[in-house]
């Protein structure tokens, strides 16, 4: 079973412990709503906890494998693109997860791209609220 297969199975089962085994310690997660990546396994696992609660009717609908340049160092790395459909904040989402693998097969970089723009906005708001609720980011200051 490939890392991509194991990842899909962990997401389907909403199994954070299984995801923990699949990420490198210095994993980077590139979000569609934030320019800088989330970095490090504890942060990325916390984010996945929020994502797994936020998405409704999440399902993978396709997969492509090959190689692609990573964002961190522009090195070619084995990669998989997982196509998904979901609902978040009442919006239908079409998206892809781009996984880059380290030499040991674990996920070292993870990029999410979603459409349409209205879904990106709804997803961003829902995820931010979850991150605040879980204490992973500070609450917005009241002016």
Protein backbone atom coordinates (compact mmCIF):
# COMPACT_ATOMS: atom_id res chain seq x y z
CA UNK A 1 0.00 0.00 0.00
CA UNK A 2 1.44 3.39 -0.98
CA UNK A 3 1.68 6.38 1.34
CA UNK A 4 -1.09 8.05 -0.70
CA UNK A 5 -3.32 4.99 -0.15
CA UNK A 6 -2.54 5.00 3.57
CA UNK A 7 -3.25 8.75 3.70
CA UNK A 8 -6.62 8.31 1.97
CA UNK A 9 -7.53 5.50 4.36
CA UNK A 10 -6.56 7.62 7.40
CA UNK A 11 -8.65 10.56 6.16
CA UNK A 12 -11.61 8.29 5.41
CA UNK A 13 -11.35 6.85 8.93
CA UNK A 14 -10.67 10.30 10.46
CA UNK A 15 -7.67 8.68 12.15
CA UNK A 16 -5.20 11.32 13.38
CA UNK A 17 -2.88 8.66 14.86
CA UNK A 18 -2.50 7.08 11.41
CA UNK A 19 -1.84 10.52 9.90
CA UNK A 20 0.84 11.13 12.53
CA UNK A 21 2.82 8.18 11.16
CA UNK A 22 2.65 9.52 7.61
CA UNK A 23 4.13 13.01 8.14
CA UNK A 24 7.78 13.98 8.49
CA UNK A 25 8.64 15.99 11.62
CA UNK A 26 9.17 19.14 9.50
CA UNK A 27 6.12 18.70 7.24
CA UNK A 28 4.82 21.86 5.56
CA UNK A 29 1.13 22.41 4.79
CA UNK A 30 0.27 25.04 2.17
CA UNK A 31 -3.31 26.26 2.58
CA UNK A 32 -5.47 27.96 -0.06
CA UNK A 33 -6.26 30.76 2.40
CA UNK A 34 -2.85 31.51 3.92
CA UNK A 35 0.33 32.49 2.06
CA UNK A 36 2.87 31.09 4.51
CA UNK A 37 2.74 27.35 5.26
CA UNK A 38 1.77 25.68 8.49
CA UNK A 39 5.00 24.00 9.61
CA UNK A 40 5.86 21.02 11.79
CA UNK A 41 4.01 17.84 12.61
CA UNK A 42 2.19 19.08 15.76
CA UNK A 43 0.80 22.12 13.93
CA UNK A 44 -0.19 20.18 10.81
CA UNK A 45 -1.87 17.43 12.86
CA UNK A 46 -3.78 20.10 14.78
CA UNK A 47 -4.90 21.60 11.49
CA UNK A 48 -6.02 18.19 10.25
CA UNK A 49 -8.10 17.76 13.39
CA UNK A 50 -9.94 20.96 12.46
CA UNK A 51 -10.22 20.02 8.76
CA UNK A 52 -11.68 16.60 9.53
CA UNK A 53 -14.39 18.30 11.63
CA UNK A 54 -15.02 21.09 9.10
CA UNK A 55 -15.51 19.15 5.87
CA UNK A 56 -18.83 17.42 5.31
CA UNK A 57 -19.34 14.63 2.80
CA UNK A 58 -15.59 14.59 2.07
CA UNK A 59 -14.56 12.02 -0.52
CA UNK A 60 -11.62 11.41 -2.81
CA UNK A 61 -12.65 10.98 -6.44
CA UNK A 62 -9.34 10.41 -8.26
CA UNK A 63 -5.57 10.16 -8.03
CA UNK A 64 -2.52 10.90 -10.18
CA UNK A 65 1.07 10.05 -9.33
CA UNK A 66 4.44 11.19 -10.64
CA UNK A 67 7.01 13.77 -9.63
CA UNK A 68 6.78 17.50 -9.03
CA UNK A 69 8.91 20.31 -7.63
CA UNK A 70 8.43 21.05 -3.97
CA UNK A 71 7.67 24.58 -2.81
CA UNK A 72 10.33 24.62 -0.10
CA UNK A 73 13.40 23.86 -2.19
CA UNK A 74 12.18 23.34 -5.79
CA UNK A 75 13.57 19.79 -5.70
CA UNK A 76 11.83 17.09 -7.71
CA UNK A 77 10.08 14.66 -5.38
CA UNK A 78 7.75 11.71 -5.80
CA UNK A 79 4.24 13.13 -5.60
CA UNK A 80 0.56 12.28 -5.69
CA UNK A 81 -2.42 14.46 -6.56
CA UNK A 82 -5.65 13.42 -4.86
CA UNK A 83 -8.85 14.95 -6.25
CA UNK A 84 -11.68 15.51 -3.78
CA UNK A 85 -15.22 16.79 -3.39
CA UNK A 86 -16.72 18.05 -0.14
CA UNK A 87 -19.01 20.58 1.48
CA UNK A 88 -17.91 23.25 3.96
CA UNK A 89 -19.91 26.15 5.28
CA UNK A 90 -22.78 25.12 3.01
CA UNK A 91 -20.61 25.43 -0.12
CA UNK A 92 -19.73 22.67 -2.57
CA UNK A 93 -15.96 22.35 -2.94
CA UNK A 94 -13.85 20.81 -5.67
CA UNK A 95 -10.21 20.46 -4.79
CA UNK A 96 -6.90 18.70 -4.93
CA UNK A 97 -4.39 17.62 -2.34
CA UNK A 98 -0.82 17.63 -3.66
CA UNK A 99 1.42 15.38 -1.56
CA UNK A 100 5.23 15.41 -1.88
CA UNK A 101 7.09 12.48 -0.36
CA UNK A 102 10.42 12.36 1.45
CA UNK A 103 13.01 9.67 0.68
CA UNK A 104 11.54 7.47 3.42
CA UNK A 105 8.08 7.69 1.81
CA UNK A 106 6.48 9.96 4.41
CA UNK A 107 4.71 13.18 3.43
CA UNK A 108 7.06 16.18 3.62
CA UNK A 109 4.91 18.77 1.87
CA UNK A 110 1.16 19.05 1.44
CA UNK A 111 -0.62 21.64 -0.71
CA UNK A 112 -4.39 22.11 -0.94
CA UNK A 113 -6.09 23.93 -3.80
CA UNK A 114 -9.87 24.45 -3.92
CA UNK A 115 -12.48 26.10 -6.06
CA UNK A 116 -14.74 28.09 -6.40
CA UNK A 117 -13.73 31.33 -4.70
CA UNK A 118 -16.89 31.39 -2.58
CA UNK A 119 -15.94 27.96 -1.21
CA UNK A 120 -12.41 29.13 -0.44
CA UNK A 121 -13.85 31.99 1.61
CA UNK A 122 -16.35 29.78 3.47
CA UNK A 123 -13.67 27.15 4.13
CA UNK A 124 -11.21 29.77 5.38
CA UNK A 125 -13.72 31.15 7.87
CA UNK A 126 -14.73 27.71 9.15
CA UNK A 127 -11.14 26.50 9.53
CA UNK A 128 -10.01 29.71 11.23
CA UNK A 129 -12.85 29.40 13.75
CA UNK A 130 -11.77 25.79 14.44
CA UNK A 131 -8.12 26.78 14.84
CA UNK A 132 -9.10 29.51 17.33
CA UNK A 133 -11.40 27.11 19.22
CA UNK A 134 -8.57 24.56 19.49
CA UNK A 135 -6.07 27.24 20.63
CA UNK A 136 -3.86 26.76 17.57
CA UNK A 137 -4.08 30.43 16.55
CA UNK A 138 -4.95 33.47 18.65
CA UNK A 139 -8.46 34.86 18.61
CA UNK A 140 -8.87 38.08 16.63
CA UNK A 141 -8.47 41.21 18.73
CA UNK A 142 -11.66 43.16 19.36
CA UNK A 143 -11.23 46.77 18.32
